[in-house]
């Protein structure tokens, strides 16, 4: 599991490679804390995410809370079928802008 970040202006892209679980909690929290301000938008790129568990759902909820629940400030992109099914069961499509892989 690895987590990479790229900053382009006020857009912070976090790429999650492999399994998105508690093993990246501290790193995810730190990246979000360092880059968080009122103008920043987060893009969570899940192109290479193979699985996510409930702790990952919790991390996304924490990020949502830190961005005042603004659906426009957190976007999940390149979400594969396995991860998409977890997000749909949790009804995260109501909380986040989710874009499935083509």
C-alpha atoms as a PDB file:
ATOM      1  CA  UNK A   1       0.000   0.000   0.000  1.00  0.00           C
ATOM      2  CA  UNK A   2       1.291   3.410  -0.874  1.00  0.00           C
ATOM      3  CA  UNK A   3      -0.101   6.893  -0.838  1.00  0.00           C
ATOM      4  CA  UNK A   4       1.249   9.620  -3.108  1.00  0.00           C
ATOM      5  CA  UNK A   5       0.328  13.266  -3.272  1.00  0.00           C
ATOM      6  CA  UNK A   6       0.514  15.872  -6.002  1.00  0.00           C
ATOM      7  CA  UNK A   7      -0.356  19.548  -5.584  1.00  0.00           C
ATOM      8  CA  UNK A   8      -1.447  21.698  -8.515  1.00  0.00           C
ATOM      9  CA  UNK A   9      -2.563  25.121  -7.332  1.00  0.00           C
ATOM     10  CA  UNK A  10      -5.438  24.617  -4.923  1.00  0.00           C
ATOM     11  CA  UNK A  11      -6.033  20.988  -5.987  1.00  0.00           C
ATOM     12  CA  UNK A  12      -4.410  18.230  -3.934  1.00  0.00           C
ATOM     13  CA  UNK A  13      -4.505  14.798  -5.546  1.00  0.00           C
ATOM     14  CA  UNK A  14      -3.980  11.786  -3.301  1.00  0.00           C
ATOM     15  CA  UNK A  15      -3.306   8.577  -5.229  1.00  0.00           C
ATOM     16  CA  UNK A  16      -3.973   5.390  -3.313  1.00  0.00           C
ATOM     17  CA  UNK A  17      -2.166   2.321  -4.595  1.00  0.00           C
ATOM     18  CA  UNK A  18      -3.179  -1.136  -3.410  1.00  0.00           C
ATOM     19  CA  UNK A  19      -5.330  -1.655  -0.336  1.00  0.00           C
ATOM     20  CA  UNK A  20      -6.841   1.440   1.287  1.00  0.00           C
ATOM     21  CA  UNK A  21      -7.006   0.575   4.970  1.00  0.00           C
ATOM     22  CA  UNK A  22      -5.815   1.589   8.436  1.00  0.00           C
ATOM     23  CA  UNK A  23      -2.170   1.089   7.406  1.00  0.00           C
ATOM     24  CA  UNK A  24      -2.228   4.499   5.675  1.00  0.00           C
ATOM     25  CA  UNK A  25      -4.260   6.331   8.322  1.00  0.00           C
ATOM     26  CA  UNK A  26      -1.424   8.450   9.744  1.00  0.00           C
ATOM     27  CA  UNK A  27      -0.042   9.319   6.305  1.00  0.00           C
ATOM     28  CA  UNK A  28      -3.500  10.164   4.918  1.00  0.00           C
ATOM     29  CA  UNK A  29      -4.335  12.308   7.949  1.00  0.00           C
ATOM     30  CA  UNK A  30      -1.001  14.149   7.730  1.00  0.00           C
ATOM     31  CA  UNK A  31      -1.313  14.861   3.982  1.00  0.00           C
ATOM     32  CA  UNK A  32      -4.793  16.246   4.538  1.00  0.00           C
ATOM     33  CA  UNK A  33      -3.713  18.325   7.539  1.00  0.00           C
ATOM     34  CA  UNK A  34      -0.713  19.842   5.735  1.00  0.00           C
ATOM     35  CA  UNK A  35      -2.703  20.855   2.668  1.00  0.00           C
ATOM     36  CA  UNK A  36      -6.005  21.815   4.262  1.00  0.00           C
ATOM     37  CA  UNK A  37      -7.166  25.404   3.886  1.00  0.00           C
ATOM     38  CA  UNK A  38     -10.445  27.055   2.905  1.00  0.00           C
ATOM     39  CA  UNK A  39      -9.643  27.049  -0.824  1.00  0.00           C
ATOM     40  CA  UNK A  40      -8.199  23.567  -1.313  1.00  0.00           C
ATOM     41  CA  UNK A  41      -9.985  20.827  -3.228  1.00  0.00           C
ATOM     42  CA  UNK A  42      -9.048  17.184  -2.743  1.00  0.00           C
ATOM     43  CA  UNK A  43      -9.064  14.584  -5.507  1.00  0.00           C
ATOM     44  CA  UNK A  44      -8.745  11.004  -4.297  1.00  0.00           C
ATOM     45  CA  UNK A  45      -7.442   8.998  -7.261  1.00  0.00           C
ATOM     46  CA  UNK A  46      -8.353   5.333  -6.819  1.00  0.00           C
ATOM     47  CA  UNK A  47      -7.110   4.141 -10.196  1.00  0.00           C
ATOM     48  CA  UNK A  48      -4.782   1.643  -8.521  1.00  0.00           C
ATOM     49  CA  UNK A  49      -6.845   0.971  -5.396  1.00  0.00           C
ATOM     50  CA  UNK A  50      -7.719  -2.712  -5.225  1.00  0.00           C
ATOM     51  CA  UNK A  51      -9.743  -2.769  -1.992  1.00  0.00           C
ATOM     52  CA  UNK A  52     -10.934  -0.508   0.802  1.00  0.00           C
ATOM     53  CA  UNK A  53     -12.264  -1.331   4.239  1.00  0.00           C
ATOM     54  CA  UNK A  54     -14.326   0.480   6.850  1.00  0.00           C
ATOM     55  CA  UNK A  55     -11.312   2.367   8.192  1.00  0.00           C
ATOM     56  CA  UNK A  56     -10.856   3.904   4.731  1.00  0.00           C
ATOM     57  CA  UNK A  57     -14.511   4.956   4.767  1.00  0.00           C
ATOM     58  CA  UNK A  58     -13.812   6.612   8.104  1.00  0.00           C
ATOM     59  CA  UNK A  59     -10.816   8.481   6.670  1.00  0.00           C
ATOM     60  CA  UNK A  60     -12.959   9.817   3.827  1.00  0.00           C
ATOM     61  CA  UNK A  61     -15.601  10.919   6.331  1.00  0.00           C
ATOM     62  CA  UNK A  62     -12.959  12.748   8.360  1.00  0.00           C
ATOM     63  CA  UNK A  63     -11.780  14.544   5.221  1.00  0.00           C
ATOM     64  CA  UNK A  64     -15.381  15.444   4.431  1.00  0.00           C
ATOM     65  CA  UNK A  65     -15.757  16.860   7.932  1.00  0.00           C
ATOM     66  CA  UNK A  66     -12.550  18.904   7.569  1.00  0.00           C
ATOM     67  CA  UNK A  67     -13.901  20.399   4.327  1.00  0.00           C
ATOM     68  CA  UNK A  68     -17.174  21.366   6.042  1.00  0.00           C
ATOM     69  CA  UNK A  69     -19.139  18.714   4.148  1.00  0.00           C
ATOM     70  CA  UNK A  70     -18.713  20.595   0.864  1.00  0.00           C
ATOM     71  CA  UNK A  71     -19.318  17.934  -1.791  1.00  0.00           C
ATOM     72  CA  UNK A  72     -17.478  20.063  -4.356  1.00  0.00           C
ATOM     73  CA  UNK A  73     -14.235  19.996  -2.362  1.00  0.00           C
ATOM     74  CA  UNK A  74     -13.672  16.220  -2.301  1.00  0.00           C
ATOM     75  CA  UNK A  75     -13.870  14.118  -5.450  1.00  0.00           C
ATOM     76  CA  UNK A  76     -13.208  10.382  -5.790  1.00  0.00           C
ATOM     77  CA  UNK A  77     -12.011   9.480  -9.288  1.00  0.00           C
ATOM     78  CA  UNK A  78     -11.077   6.345 -11.242  1.00  0.00           C
ATOM     79  CA  UNK A  79     -13.010   4.150  -8.822  1.00  0.00           C
ATOM     80  CA  UNK A  80     -12.938   0.482  -9.825  1.00  0.00           C
ATOM     81  CA  UNK A  81     -15.806  -2.002  -9.419  1.00  0.00           C
ATOM     82  CA  UNK A  82     -14.660  -3.542  -6.110  1.00  0.00           C
ATOM     83  CA  UNK A  83     -14.157  -0.203  -4.414  1.00  0.00           C
ATOM     84  CA  UNK A  84     -17.280   1.270  -5.998  1.00  0.00           C
ATOM     85  CA  UNK A  85     -19.408  -1.505  -4.529  1.00  0.00           C
ATOM     86  CA  UNK A  86     -18.083  -0.728  -1.020  1.00  0.00           C
ATOM     87  CA  UNK A  87     -18.829   2.978  -1.525  1.00  0.00           C
ATOM     88  CA  UNK A  88     -22.326   2.245  -2.819  1.00  0.00           C
ATOM     89  CA  UNK A  89     -23.206  -0.066   0.091  1.00  0.00           C
ATOM     90  CA  UNK A  90     -22.146   2.749   2.446  1.00  0.00           C
ATOM     91  CA  UNK A  91     -24.192   5.186   0.307  1.00  0.00           C
ATOM     92  CA  UNK A  92     -21.182   7.463  -0.146  1.00  0.00           C
ATOM     93  CA  UNK A  93     -22.529   8.652  -3.502  1.00  0.00           C
ATOM     94  CA  UNK A  94     -24.760  10.928  -1.407  1.00  0.00           C
ATOM     95  CA  UNK A  95     -21.730  12.462   0.300  1.00  0.00           C
ATOM     96  CA  UNK A  96     -19.076  12.607  -2.418  1.00  0.00           C
ATOM     97  CA  UNK A  97     -18.664  13.225  -6.126  1.00  0.00           C
ATOM     98  CA  UNK A  98     -17.671   9.706  -7.278  1.00  0.00           C
ATOM     99  CA  UNK A  99     -16.429   8.993 -10.789  1.00  0.00           C
ATOM    100  CA  UNK A 100     -16.096   5.345 -11.767  1.00  0.00           C
ATOM    101  CA  UNK A 101     -13.363   4.047 -14.048  1.00  0.00           C
ATOM    102  CA  UNK A 102     -14.298   4.032 -17.719  1.00  0.00           C
END
